[in-house]
PDB file of N, CA and C in Angstrom:
ATOM      1  N   MET A   1     111.687  24.468-119.692  1.00  0.00           N
ATOM      2  CA  MET A   1     110.974  24.478-120.962  1.00  0.00           C
ATOM      3  C   MET A   1     110.379  23.095-121.239  1.00  0.00           C
ATOM      4  N   VAL A   2     109.141  23.081-121.682  1.00  0.00           N
ATOM      5  CA  VAL A   2     108.439  21.837-121.972  1.00  0.00           C
ATOM      6  C   VAL A   2     108.941  21.264-123.292  1.00  0.00           C
ATOM      7  N   LYS A   3     109.227  19.978-123.269  1.00  0.00           N
ATOM      8  CA  LYS A   3     109.660  19.294-124.478  1.00  0.00           C
ATOM      9  C   LYS A   3     108.460  19.146-125.415  1.00  0.00           C
ATOM     10  N   LYS A   4     108.695  19.334-126.718  1.00  0.00           N
ATOM     11  CA  LYS A   4     107.622  19.227-127.707  1.00  0.00           C
ATOM     12  C   LYS A   4     108.067  18.337-128.857  1.00  0.00           C
ATOM     13  N   TYR A   5     107.087  17.874-129.619  1.00  0.00           N
ATOM     14  CA  TYR A   5     107.388  17.079-130.801  1.00  0.00           C
ATOM     15  C   TYR A   5     107.871  17.985-131.931  1.00  0.00           C
ATOM     16  N   LYS A   6     108.710  17.414-132.802  1.00  0.00           N
ATOM     17  CA  LYS A   6     109.227  18.148-133.959  1.00  0.00           C
ATOM     18  C   LYS A   6     108.104  18.364-134.967  1.00  0.00           C
ATOM     19  N   LYS A   7     108.307  19.343-135.845  1.00  0.00           N
ATOM     20  CA  LYS A   7     107.297  19.652-136.864  1.00  0.00           C
ATOM     21  C   LYS A   7     107.007  18.450-137.755  1.00  0.00           C
ATOM     22  N   THR A   8     108.033  17.682-138.088  1.00  0.00           N
ATOM     23  CA  THR A   8     107.824  16.500-138.940  1.00  0.00           C
ATOM     24  C   THR A   8     106.957  15.466-138.218  1.00  0.00           C
ATOM     25  N   GLU A   9     107.175  15.319-136.923  1.00  0.00           N
ATOM     26  CA  GLU A   9     106.362  14.384-136.140  1.00  0.00           C
ATOM     27  C   GLU A   9     104.922  14.878-136.042  1.00  0.00           C
ATOM     28  N   LEU A  10     104.768  16.177-135.866  1.00  0.00           N
ATOM     29  CA  LEU A  10     103.423  16.755-135.787  1.00  0.00           C
ATOM     30  C   LEU A  10     102.668  16.551-137.098  1.00  0.00           C
ATOM     31  N   LYS A  11     103.375  16.659-138.216  1.00  0.00           N
ATOM     32  CA  LYS A  11     102.744  16.421-139.524  1.00  0.00           C
ATOM     33  C   LYS A  11     102.265  14.972-139.630  1.00  0.00           C
ATOM     34  N   GLU A  12     103.069  14.043-139.106  1.00  0.00           N
ATOM     35  CA  GLU A  12     102.672  12.630-139.104  1.00  0.00           C
ATOM     36  C   GLU A  12     101.397  12.436-138.288  1.00  0.00           C
ATOM     37  N   PHE A  13     101.381  13.028-137.102  1.00  0.00           N
ATOM     38  CA  PHE A  13     100.204  12.902-136.243  1.00  0.00           C
ATOM     39  C   PHE A  13      98.984  13.567-136.881  1.00  0.00           C
ATOM     40  N   GLU A  14      99.214  14.687-137.525  1.00  0.00           N
ATOM     41  CA  GLU A  14      98.114  15.381-138.196  1.00  0.00           C
ATOM     42  C   GLU A  14      97.517  14.492-139.292  1.00  0.00           C
ATOM     43  N   LYS A  15      98.375  13.825-140.031  1.00  0.00           N
ATOM     44  CA  LYS A  15      97.928  12.920-141.095  1.00  0.00           C
ATOM     45  C   LYS A  15      97.092  11.775-140.506  1.00  0.00           C
ATOM     46  N   ILE A  16      97.569  11.218-139.403  1.00  0.00           N
ATOM     47  CA  ILE A  16      96.849  10.132-138.725  1.00  0.00           C
ATOM     48  C   ILE A  16      95.483  10.624-138.245  1.00  0.00           C
ATOM     49  N   LEU A  17      95.469  11.804-137.641  1.00  0.00           N
ATOM     50  CA  LEU A  17      94.220  12.368-137.123  1.00  0.00           C
ATOM     51  C   LEU A  17      93.221  12.657-138.244  1.00  0.00           C
ATOM     52  N   LEU A  18      93.701  13.197-139.345  1.00  0.00           N
ATOM     53  CA  LEU A  18      92.804  13.507-140.463  1.00  0.00           C
ATOM     54  C   LEU A  18      92.223  12.234-141.076  1.00  0.00           C
ATOM     55  N   LYS A  19      93.036  11.197-141.154  1.00  0.00           N
ATOM     56  CA  LYS A  19      92.555   9.916-141.676  1.00  0.00           C
ATOM     57  C   LYS A  19      91.495   9.333-140.735  1.00  0.00           C
ATOM     58  N   GLU A  20      91.762   9.397-139.441  1.00  0.00           N
ATOM     59  CA  GLU A  20      90.809   8.908-138.444  1.00  0.00           C
ATOM     60  C   GLU A  20      89.521   9.734-138.474  1.00  0.00           C
ATOM     61  N   ARG A  21      89.662  11.035-138.679  1.00  0.00           N
ATOM     62  CA  ARG A  21      88.504  11.935-138.745  1.00  0.00           C
ATOM     63  C   ARG A  21      87.597  11.557-139.918  1.00  0.00           C
ATOM     64  N   GLU A  22      88.218  11.278-141.050  1.00  0.00           N
ATOM     65  CA  GLU A  22      87.456  10.886-142.239  1.00  0.00           C
ATOM     66  C   GLU A  22      86.686   9.587-141.983  1.00  0.00           C
ATOM     67  N   LYS A  23      87.345   8.638-141.339  1.00  0.00           N
ATOM     68  CA  LYS A  23      86.711   7.358-141.017  1.00  0.00           C
ATOM     69  C   LYS A  23      85.525   7.562-140.067  1.00  0.00           C
ATOM     70  N   ILE A  24      85.707   8.404-139.072  1.00  0.00           N
ATOM     71  CA  ILE A  24      84.640   8.681-138.102  1.00  0.00           C
ATOM     72  C   ILE A  24      83.461   9.374-138.784  1.00  0.00           C
ATOM     73  N   LEU A  25      83.744  10.320-139.667  1.00  0.00           N
ATOM     74  CA  LEU A  25      82.660  11.018-140.369  1.00  0.00           C
ATOM     75  C   LEU A  25      81.833  10.054-141.218  1.00  0.00           C
ATOM     76  N   LYS A  26      82.496   9.093-141.837  1.00  0.00           N
ATOM     77  CA  LYS A  26      81.760   8.078-142.608  1.00  0.00           C
ATOM     78  C   LYS A  26      80.858   7.270-141.686  1.00  0.00           C
ATOM     79  N   GLY A  27      81.376   6.920-140.521  1.00  0.00           N
ATOM     80  CA  GLY A  27      80.581   6.181-139.546  1.00  0.00           C
ATOM     81  C   GLY A  27      79.397   6.987-139.048  1.00  0.00           C
ATOM     82  N   ILE A  28      79.618   8.271-138.829  1.00  0.00           N
ATOM     83  CA  ILE A  28      78.534   9.150-138.379  1.00  0.00           C
ATOM     84  C   ILE A  28      77.449   9.235-139.448  1.00  0.00           C
ATOM     85  N   ASN A  29      77.859   9.385-140.693  1.00  0.00           N
ATOM     86  CA  ASN A  29      76.878   9.445-141.783  1.00  0.00           C
ATOM     87  C   ASN A  29      76.082   8.152-141.881  1.00  0.00           C
ATOM     88  N   TYR A  30      76.763   7.032-141.738  1.00  0.00           N
ATOM     89  CA  TYR A  30      76.083   5.737-141.815  1.00  0.00           C
ATOM     90  C   TYR A  30      75.087   5.582-140.666  1.00  0.00           C
ATOM     91  N   ASP A  31      75.550   5.823-139.443  1.00  0.00           N
ATOM     92  CA  ASP A  31      74.675   5.644-138.283  1.00  0.00           C
ATOM     93  C   ASP A  31      73.523   6.641-138.279  1.00  0.00           C
ATOM     94  N   SER A  32      73.762   7.844-138.761  1.00  0.00           N
ATOM     95  CA  SER A  32      72.675   8.825-138.861  1.00  0.00           C
ATOM     96  C   SER A  32      71.607   8.318-139.822  1.00  0.00           C
ATOM     97  N   GLY A  33      72.046   7.709-140.907  1.00  0.00           N
ATOM     98  CA  GLY A  33      71.110   7.141-141.876  1.00  0.00           C
ATOM     99  C   GLY A  33      70.322   5.985-141.288  1.00  0.00           C
ATOM    100  N   GLN A  34      70.990   5.175-140.484  1.00  0.00           N
ATOM    101  CA  GLN A  34      70.313   4.047-139.844  1.00  0.00           C
ATOM    102  C   GLN A  34      69.218   4.538-138.900  1.00  0.00           C
ATOM    103  N   ILE A  35      69.519   5.573-138.162  1.00  0.00           N
ATOM    104  CA  ILE A  35      68.547   6.102-137.204  1.00  0.00           C
ATOM    105  C   ILE A  35      67.375   6.747-137.937  1.00  0.00           C
ATOM    106  N   ALA A  36      67.682   7.432-139.034  1.00  0.00           N
ATOM    107  CA  ALA A  36      66.648   8.140-139.782  1.00  0.00           C
ATOM    108  C   ALA A  36      65.715   7.194-140.530  1.00  0.00           C
ATOM    109  N   THR A  37      66.191   6.000-140.782  1.00  0.00           N
ATOM    110  CA  THR A  37      65.371   5.037-141.506  1.00  0.00           C
ATOM    111  C   THR A  37      64.161   4.657-140.659  1.00  0.00           C
ATOM    112  N   THR A  38      63.014   4.832-141.223  1.00  0.00           N
ATOM    113  CA  THR A  38      61.804   4.478-140.468  1.00  0.00           C
ATOM    114  C   THR A  38      61.594   2.977-140.494  1.00  0.00           C
ATOM    115  N   GLN A  39      60.765   2.530-139.645  1.00  0.00           N
ATOM    116  CA  GLN A  39      60.466   1.105-139.558  1.00  0.00           C
ATOM    117  C   GLN A  39      59.923   0.592-140.892  1.00  0.00           C
ATOM    118  N   THR A  40      59.090   1.362-141.517  1.00  0.00           N
ATOM    119  CA  THR A  40      58.508   0.954-142.791  1.00  0.00           C
ATOM    120  C   THR A  40      59.574   0.867-143.874  1.00  0.00           C
ATOM    121  N   GLU A  41      60.447   1.875-143.934  1.00  0.00           N
ATOM    122  CA  GLU A  41      61.509   1.863-144.938  1.00  0.00           C
ATOM    123  C   GLU A  41      62.464   0.706-144.695  1.00  0.00           C
ATOM    124  N   ALA A  42      62.745   0.420-143.451  1.00  0.00           N
ATOM    125  CA  ALA A  42      63.681  -0.648-143.115  1.00  0.00           C
ATOM    126  C   ALA A  42      63.151  -2.008-143.540  1.00  0.00           C
ATOM    127  N   SER A  43      61.859  -2.199-143.432  1.00  0.00           N
ATOM    128  CA  SER A  43      61.287  -3.497-143.780  1.00  0.00           C
ATOM    129  C   SER A  43      61.019  -3.622-145.270  1.00  0.00           C
ATOM    130  N   GLY A  44      60.887  -2.491-145.942  1.00  0.00           N
ATOM    131  CA  GLY A  44      60.580  -2.520-147.365  1.00  0.00           C
ATOM    132  C   GLY A  44      59.096  -2.671-147.630  1.00  0.00           C
ATOM    133  N   ASP A  45      58.308  -2.773-146.592  1.00  0.00           N
ATOM    134  CA  ASP A  45      56.859  -2.911-146.734  1.00  0.00           C
ATOM    135  C   ASP A  45      56.200  -1.545-146.729  1.00  0.00           C
ATOM    136  N   LEU A  46      55.000  -1.500-147.240  1.00  0.00           N
ATOM    137  CA  LEU A  46      54.232  -0.264-147.206  1.00  0.00           C
ATOM    138  C   LEU A  46      53.514  -0.103-145.877  1.00  0.00           C
ATOM    139  N   SER A  47      53.302  -1.191-145.193  1.00  0.00           N
ATOM    140  CA  SER A  47      52.578  -1.135-143.935  1.00  0.00           C
ATOM    141  C   SER A  47      53.433  -1.702-142.811  1.00  0.00           C
ATOM    142  N   ALA A  48      53.586  -0.947-141.761  1.00  0.00           N
ATOM    143  CA  ALA A  48      54.363  -1.414-140.615  1.00  0.00           C
ATOM    144  C   ALA A  48      53.643  -2.563-139.911  1.00  0.00           C
ATOM    145  N   TYR A  49      52.349  -2.666-140.099  1.00  0.00           N
ATOM    146  CA  TYR A  49      51.577  -3.719-139.441  1.00  0.00           C
ATOM    147  C   TYR A  49      51.858  -5.096-140.025  1.00  0.00           C
ATOM    148  N   ALA A  50      52.403  -5.159-141.217  1.00  0.00           N
ATOM    149  CA  ALA A  50      52.688  -6.445-141.842  1.00  0.00           C
ATOM    150  C   ALA A  50      53.913  -7.109-141.215  1.00  0.00           C
ATOM    151  N   ASN A  51      54.676  -6.353-140.428  1.00  0.00           N
ATOM    152  CA  ASN A  51      55.883  -6.897-139.808  1.00  0.00           C
ATOM    153  C   ASN A  51      55.549  -7.732-138.589  1.00  0.00           C
ATOM    154  N   HIS A  52      56.328  -8.729-138.392  1.00  0.00           N
ATOM    155  CA  HIS A  52      56.219  -9.530-137.186  1.00  0.00           C
ATOM    156  C   HIS A  52      56.815  -8.727-136.032  1.00  0.00           C
ATOM    157  N   MET A  53      56.332  -8.945-134.827  1.00  0.00           N
ATOM    158  CA  MET A  53      56.823  -8.190-133.670  1.00  0.00           C
ATOM    159  C   MET A  53      58.328  -8.371-133.476  1.00  0.00           C
ATOM    160  N   ALA A  54      58.832  -9.554-133.779  1.00  0.00           N
ATOM    161  CA  ALA A  54      60.273  -9.802-133.631  1.00  0.00           C
ATOM    162  C   ALA A  54      61.067  -8.946-134.615  1.00  0.00           C
ATOM    163  N   ASP A  55      60.527  -8.778-135.827  1.00  0.00           N
ATOM    164  CA  ASP A  55      61.191  -7.925-136.817  1.00  0.00           C
ATOM    165  C   ASP A  55      61.237  -6.479-136.332  1.00  0.00           C
ATOM    166  N   GLN A  56      60.139  -6.037-135.749  1.00  0.00           N
ATOM    167  CA  GLN A  56      60.077  -4.671-135.232  1.00  0.00           C
ATOM    168  C   GLN A  56      61.093  -4.485-134.105  1.00  0.00           C
ATOM    169  N   GLY A  57      61.211  -5.492-133.254  1.00  0.00           N
ATOM    170  CA  GLY A  57      62.179  -5.429-132.155  1.00  0.00           C
ATOM    171  C   GLY A  57      63.605  -5.376-132.664  1.00  0.00           C
ATOM    172  N   THR A  58      63.888  -6.140-133.704  1.00  0.00           N
ATOM    173  CA  THR A  58      65.224  -6.150-134.299  1.00  0.00           C
ATOM    174  C   THR A  58      65.566  -4.784-134.877  1.00  0.00           C
ATOM    175  N   GLU A  59      64.613  -4.184-135.573  1.00  0.00           N
ATOM    176  CA  GLU A  59      64.845  -2.860-136.159  1.00  0.00           C
ATOM    177  C   GLU A  59      65.047  -1.807-135.073  1.00  0.00           C
ATOM    178  N   THR A  60      64.273  -1.906-134.015  1.00  0.00           N
ATOM    179  CA  THR A  60      64.424  -0.968-132.897  1.00  0.00           C
ATOM    180  C   THR A  60      65.801  -1.123-132.264  1.00  0.00           C
ATOM    181  N   GLU A  61      66.225  -2.358-132.090  1.00  0.00           N
ATOM    182  CA  GLU A  61      67.542  -2.617-131.506  1.00  0.00           C
ATOM    183  C   GLU A  61      68.655  -2.062-132.404  1.00  0.00           C
ATOM    184  N   LYS A  62      68.518  -2.230-133.710  1.00  0.00           N
ATOM    185  CA  LYS A  62      69.513  -1.696-134.651  1.00  0.00           C
ATOM    186  C   LYS A  62      69.618  -0.179-134.531  1.00  0.00           C
ATOM    187  N   ARG A  63      68.452   0.478-134.446  1.00  0.00           N
ATOM    188  CA  ARG A  63      68.459   1.937-134.330  1.00  0.00           C
ATOM    189  C   ARG A  63      69.069   2.384-133.000  1.00  0.00           C
ATOM    190  N   GLU A  64      68.793   1.648-131.936  1.00  0.00           N
ATOM    191  CA  GLU A  64      69.371   1.987-130.633  1.00  0.00           C
ATOM    192  C   GLU A  64      70.889   1.822-130.646  1.00  0.00           C
ATOM    193  N   LEU A  65      71.369   0.736-131.241  1.00  0.00           N
ATOM    194  CA  LEU A  65      72.814   0.523-131.346  1.00  0.00           C
ATOM    195  C   LEU A  65      73.461   1.604-132.206  1.00  0.00           C
ATOM    196  N   SER A  66      72.788   1.973-133.282  1.00  0.00           N
ATOM    197  CA  SER A  66      73.307   3.047-134.132  1.00  0.00           C
ATOM    198  C   SER A  66      73.372   4.356-133.364  1.00  0.00           C
ATOM    199  N   SER A  67      72.388   4.590-132.525  1.00  0.00           N
ATOM    200  CA  SER A  67      72.364   5.806-131.717  1.00  0.00           C
ATOM    201  C   SER A  67      73.527   5.831-130.726  1.00  0.00           C
ATOM    202  N   ILE A  68      73.799   4.695-130.113  1.00  0.00           N
ATOM    203  CA  ILE A  68      74.926   4.595-129.176  1.00  0.00           C
ATOM    204  C   ILE A  68      76.243   4.813-129.921  1.00  0.00           C
ATOM    205  N   ASN A  69      76.382   4.162-131.080  1.00  0.00           N
ATOM    206  CA  ASN A  69      77.594   4.333-131.893  1.00  0.00           C
ATOM    207  C   ASN A  69      77.758   5.786-132.325  1.00  0.00           C
ATOM    208  N   LEU A  70      76.669   6.400-132.718  1.00  0.00           N
ATOM    209  CA  LEU A  70      76.702   7.787-133.169  1.00  0.00           C
ATOM    210  C   LEU A  70      77.194   8.709-132.057  1.00  0.00           C
ATOM    211  N   SER A  71      76.704   8.492-130.868  1.00  0.00           N
ATOM    212  CA  SER A  71      77.121   9.298-129.724  1.00  0.00           C
ATOM    213  C   SER A  71      78.622   9.146-129.469  1.00  0.00           C
ATOM    214  N   ARG A  72      79.104   7.923-129.488  1.00  0.00           N
ATOM    215  CA  ARG A  72      80.535   7.662-129.257  1.00  0.00           C
ATOM    216  C   ARG A  72      81.385   8.267-130.380  1.00  0.00           C
ATOM    217  N   GLN A  73      80.918   8.137-131.610  1.00  0.00           N
ATOM    218  CA  GLN A  73      81.670   8.688-132.736  1.00  0.00           C
ATOM    219  C   GLN A  73      81.747  10.213-132.664  1.00  0.00           C
ATOM    220  N   ARG A  74      80.689  10.837-132.206  1.00  0.00           N
ATOM    221  CA  ARG A  74      80.708  12.298-132.053  1.00  0.00           C
ATOM    222  C   ARG A  74      81.713  12.720-130.984  1.00  0.00           C
ATOM    223  N   GLU A  75      81.805  11.942-129.919  1.00  0.00           N
ATOM    224  CA  GLU A  75      82.801  12.227-128.877  1.00  0.00           C
ATOM    225  C   GLU A  75      84.214  12.121-129.446  1.00  0.00           C
ATOM    226  N   ILE A  76      84.448  11.078-130.227  1.00  0.00           N
ATOM    227  CA  ILE A  76      85.770  10.885-130.831  1.00  0.00           C
ATOM    228  C   ILE A  76      86.061  12.007-131.816  1.00  0.00           C
ATOM    229  N   LEU A  77      85.070  12.396-132.603  1.00  0.00           N
ATOM    230  CA  LEU A  77      85.249  13.491-133.561  1.00  0.00           C
ATOM    231  C   LEU A  77      85.641  14.778-132.837  1.00  0.00           C
ATOM    232  N   TYR A  78      84.973  15.050-131.728  1.00  0.00           N
ATOM    233  CA  TYR A  78      85.314  16.233-130.929  1.00  0.00           C
ATOM    234  C   TYR A  78      86.771  16.140-130.456  1.00  0.00           C
ATOM    235  N   SER A  79      87.166  14.964-129.983  1.00  0.00           N
ATOM    236  CA  SER A  79      88.534  14.770-129.494  1.00  0.00           C
ATOM    237  C   SER A  79      89.561  14.938-130.611  1.00  0.00           C
ATOM    238  N   ILE A  80      89.228  14.450-131.793  1.00  0.00           N
ATOM    239  CA  ILE A  80      90.125  14.595-132.944  1.00  0.00           C
ATOM    240  C   ILE A  80      90.263  16.067-133.315  1.00  0.00           C
ATOM    241  N   ASP A  81      89.151  16.769-133.389  1.00  0.00           N
ATOM    242  CA  ASP A  81      89.192  18.198-133.721  1.00  0.00           C
ATOM    243  C   ASP A  81      89.984  18.984-132.669  1.00  0.00           C
ATOM    244  N   TYR A  82      89.825  18.600-131.422  1.00  0.00           N
ATOM    245  CA  TYR A  82      90.566  19.235-130.333  1.00  0.00           C
ATOM    246  C   TYR A  82      92.071  18.998-130.511  1.00  0.00           C
ATOM    247  N   ALA A  83      92.435  17.764-130.849  1.00  0.00           N
ATOM    248  CA  ALA A  83      93.848  17.433-131.068  1.00  0.00           C
ATOM    249  C   ALA A  83      94.412  18.205-132.264  1.00  0.00           C
ATOM    250  N   LEU A  84      93.627  18.346-133.316  1.00  0.00           N
ATOM    251  CA  LEU A  84      94.079  19.110-134.487  1.00  0.00           C
ATOM    252  C   LEU A  84      94.298  20.584-134.126  1.00  0.00           C
ATOM    253  N   ARG A  85      93.430  21.130-133.280  1.00  0.00           N
ATOM    254  CA  ARG A  85      93.620  22.515-132.820  1.00  0.00           C
ATOM    255  C   ARG A  85      94.905  22.631-132.001  1.00  0.00           C
ATOM    256  N   LYS A  86      95.166  21.617-131.186  1.00  0.00           N
ATOM    257  CA  LYS A  86      96.381  21.633-130.368  1.00  0.00           C
ATOM    258  C   LYS A  86      97.634  21.579-131.246  1.00  0.00           C
ATOM    259  N   ILE A  87      97.560  20.861-132.350  1.00  0.00           N
ATOM    260  CA  ILE A  87      98.697  20.836-133.282  1.00  0.00           C
ATOM    261  C   ILE A  87      98.942  22.244-133.805  1.00  0.00           C
ATOM    262  N   SER A  88      97.877  22.913-134.230  1.00  0.00           N
ATOM    263  CA  SER A  88      98.040  24.267-134.784  1.00  0.00           C
ATOM    264  C   SER A  88      98.489  25.272-133.721  1.00  0.00           C
ATOM    265  N   GLN A  89      98.172  25.005-132.462  1.00  0.00           N
ATOM    266  CA  GLN A  89      98.577  25.898-131.368  1.00  0.00           C
ATOM    267  C   GLN A  89      99.963  25.555-130.815  1.00  0.00           C
ATOM    268  N   GLY A  90     100.501  24.416-131.258  1.00  0.00           N
ATOM    269  CA  GLY A  90     101.820  24.003-130.790  1.00  0.00           C
ATOM    270  C   GLY A  90     101.822  23.330-129.430  1.00  0.00           C
ATOM    271  N   THR A  91     100.676  22.832-128.995  1.00  0.00           N
ATOM    272  CA  THR A  91     100.593  22.187-127.681  1.00  0.00           C
ATOM    273  C   THR A  91     100.223  20.708-127.768  1.00  0.00           C
ATOM    274  N   TYR A  92     100.233  20.160-128.962  1.00  0.00           N
ATOM    275  CA  TYR A  92      99.857  18.753-129.145  1.00  0.00           C
ATOM    276  C   TYR A  92     100.890  17.833-128.505  1.00  0.00           C
ATOM    277  N   GLY A  93     100.387  16.781-127.879  1.00  0.00           N
ATOM    278  CA  GLY A  93     101.266  15.769-127.308  1.00  0.00           C
ATOM    279  C   GLY A  93     101.739  16.080-125.904  1.00  0.00           C
ATOM    280  N   ILE A  94     101.238  17.155-125.338  1.00  0.00           N
ATOM    281  CA  ILE A  94     101.608  17.522-123.976  1.00  0.00           C
ATOM    282  C   ILE A  94     100.446  17.144-123.055  1.00  0.00           C
ATOM    283  N   CYS A  95     100.754  16.364-122.039  1.00  0.00           N
ATOM    284  CA  CYS A  95      99.736  15.900-121.095  1.00  0.00           C
ATOM    285  C   CYS A  95      99.075  17.104-120.423  1.00  0.00           C
ATOM    286  N   GLU A  96      97.764  17.102-120.420  1.00  0.00           N
ATOM    287  CA  GLU A  96      97.021  18.220-119.840  1.00  0.00           C
ATOM    288  C   GLU A  96      97.016  18.201-118.317  1.00  0.00           C
ATOM    289  N   LYS A  97      97.488  17.106-117.742  1.00  0.00           N
ATOM    290  CA  LYS A  97      97.503  17.013-116.285  1.00  0.00           C
ATOM    291  C   LYS A  97      98.882  17.354-115.712  1.00  0.00           C
ATOM    292  N   CYS A  98      99.923  16.697-116.231  1.00  0.00           N
ATOM    293  CA  CYS A  98     101.261  16.888-115.652  1.00  0.00           C
ATOM    294  C   CYS A  98     102.165  17.791-116.492  1.00  0.00           C
ATOM    295  N   GLY A  99     101.777  18.049-117.744  1.00  0.00           N
ATOM    296  CA  GLY A  99     102.562  18.931-118.602  1.00  0.00           C
ATOM    297  C   GLY A  99     103.750  18.269-119.287  1.00  0.00           C
ATOM    298  N   LYS A 100     103.896  16.963-119.106  1.00  0.00           N
ATOM    299  CA  LYS A 100     104.992  16.242-119.754  1.00  0.00           C
ATOM    300  C   LYS A 100     104.548  15.739-121.123  1.00  0.00           C
ATOM    301  N   LEU A 101     105.529  15.365-121.918  1.00  0.00           N
ATOM    302  CA  LEU A 101     105.259  14.865-123.262  1.00  0.00           C
ATOM    303  C   LEU A 101     104.589  13.488-123.187  1.00  0.00           C
ATOM    304  N   ILE A 102     103.498  13.328-123.925  1.00  0.00           N
ATOM    305  CA  ILE A 102     102.822  12.032-124.009  1.00  0.00           C
ATOM    306  C   ILE A 102     103.675  11.130-124.897  1.00  0.00           C
ATOM    307  N   GLU A 103     103.822   9.882-124.489  1.00  0.00           N
ATOM    308  CA  GLU A 103     104.655   8.942-125.221  1.00  0.00           C
ATOM    309  C   GLU A 103     104.190   8.816-126.670  1.00  0.00           C
ATOM    310  N   LYS A 104     105.158   8.754-127.573  1.00  0.00           N
ATOM    311  CA  LYS A 104     104.857   8.676-129.004  1.00  0.00           C
ATOM    312  C   LYS A 104     104.044   7.422-129.333  1.00  0.00           C
ATOM    313  N   LYS A 105     104.386   6.298-128.710  1.00  0.00           N
ATOM    314  CA  LYS A 105     103.645   5.054-128.962  1.00  0.00           C
ATOM    315  C   LYS A 105     102.169   5.221-128.604  1.00  0.00           C
ATOM    316  N   ARG A 106     101.912   5.905-127.503  1.00  0.00           N
ATOM    317  CA  ARG A 106     100.523   6.132-127.078  1.00  0.00           C
ATOM    318  C   ARG A 106      99.782   6.964-128.118  1.00  0.00           C
ATOM    319  N   LEU A 107     100.427   8.010-128.612  1.00  0.00           N
ATOM    320  CA  LEU A 107      99.785   8.882-129.601  1.00  0.00           C
ATOM    321  C   LEU A 107      99.601   8.180-130.946  1.00  0.00           C
ATOM    322  N   GLN A 108     100.472   7.242-131.254  1.00  0.00           N
ATOM    323  CA  GLN A 108     100.304   6.494-132.495  1.00  0.00           C
ATOM    324  C   GLN A 108      99.088   5.576-132.416  1.00  0.00           C
ATOM    325  N   ILE A 109      98.807   5.084-131.223  1.00  0.00           N
ATOM    326  CA  ILE A 109      97.649   4.209-131.020  1.00  0.00           C
ATOM    327  C   ILE A 109      96.377   5.022-130.806  1.00  0.00           C
ATOM    328  N   LEU A 110      96.489   6.072-130.003  1.00  0.00           N
ATOM    329  CA  LEU A 110      95.349   6.926-129.671  1.00  0.00           C
ATOM    330  C   LEU A 110      95.771   8.381-129.920  1.00  0.00           C
ATOM    331  N   PRO A 111      95.738   8.807-131.187  1.00  0.00           N
ATOM    332  CA  PRO A 111      96.303  10.116-131.537  1.00  0.00           C
ATOM    333  C   PRO A 111      95.607  11.315-130.902  1.00  0.00           C
ATOM    334  N   TYR A 112      94.434  11.118-130.352  1.00  0.00           N
ATOM    335  CA  TYR A 112      93.725  12.223-129.705  1.00  0.00           C
ATOM    336  C   TYR A 112      93.808  12.137-128.181  1.00  0.00           C
ATOM    337  N   ALA A 113      94.788  11.372-127.685  1.00  0.00           N
ATOM    338  CA  ALA A 113      94.983  11.252-126.234  1.00  0.00           C
ATOM    339  C   ALA A 113      95.346  12.613-125.646  1.00  0.00           C
ATOM    340  N   ARG A 114      94.757  12.920-124.510  1.00  0.00           N
ATOM    341  CA  ARG A 114      95.012  14.205-123.843  1.00  0.00           C
ATOM    342  C   ARG A 114      95.921  14.056-122.635  1.00  0.00           C
ATOM    343  N   PHE A 115      96.107  12.808-122.196  1.00  0.00           N
ATOM    344  CA  PHE A 115      96.891  12.554-120.994  1.00  0.00           C
ATOM    345  C   PHE A 115      97.912  11.449-121.244  1.00  0.00           C
ATOM    346  N   CYS A 116      99.017  11.518-120.516  1.00  0.00           N
ATOM    347  CA  CYS A 116     100.013  10.449-120.586  1.00  0.00           C
ATOM    348  C   CYS A 116      99.469   9.233-119.835  1.00  0.00           C
ATOM    349  N   ILE A 117     100.145   8.120-119.978  1.00  0.00           N
ATOM    350  CA  ILE A 117      99.699   6.878-119.333  1.00  0.00           C
ATOM    351  C   ILE A 117      99.615   7.046-117.814  1.00  0.00           C
ATOM    352  N   LYS A 118     100.627   7.658-117.222  1.00  0.00           N
ATOM    353  CA  LYS A 118     100.637   7.834-115.762  1.00  0.00           C
ATOM    354  C   LYS A 118      99.412   8.605-115.284  1.00  0.00           C
ATOM    355  N   CYS A 119      99.102   9.687-115.966  1.00  0.00           N
ATOM    356  CA  CYS A 119      97.986  10.541-115.533  1.00  0.00           C
ATOM    357  C   CYS A 119      96.623   9.942-115.862  1.00  0.00           C
ATOM    358  N   THR A 120      96.567   9.053-116.821  1.00  0.00           N
ATOM    359  CA  THR A 120      95.303   8.394-117.150  1.00  0.00           C
ATOM    360  C   THR A 120      94.860   7.512-115.994  1.00  0.00           C
ATOM    361  N   GLY A 121      95.826   6.901-115.330  1.00  0.00           N
ATOM    362  CA  GLY A 121      95.522   6.007-114.218  1.00  0.00           C
ATOM    363  C   GLY A 121      95.245   6.708-112.909  1.00  0.00           C
ATOM    364  N   LYS A 122      95.480   8.006-112.841  1.00  0.00           N
ATOM    365  CA  LYS A 122      95.297   8.741-111.578  1.00  0.00           C
ATOM    366  C   LYS A 122      93.853   9.085-111.329  1.00  0.00           C
TER     367      LYS A 122
END
């Protein structure tokens, strides 16, 4: 029989995951807004031509970084939602590779971890 975390421990992890989920959603909303902001809106000018080329480059770089952050945050959000489903299914904290219990310290640091430390390195 596979060892599992107690219900009280699962509630703790669920709380951590929900808090992390809320933080990620705020980040997604922020980065989505950054990307949606047009060059004109970002500069506050009515004409994009009034901007210096360096200003335009800076705004483009900001939008690109926001896009990269947004992509990463969406991946984390998916992982968090997956972990929350595993809690409800009773399979949370079990390594998907070896089937052993993932160390509690690891889950406290990375609550959406799918693999134990040993299997992560394989």
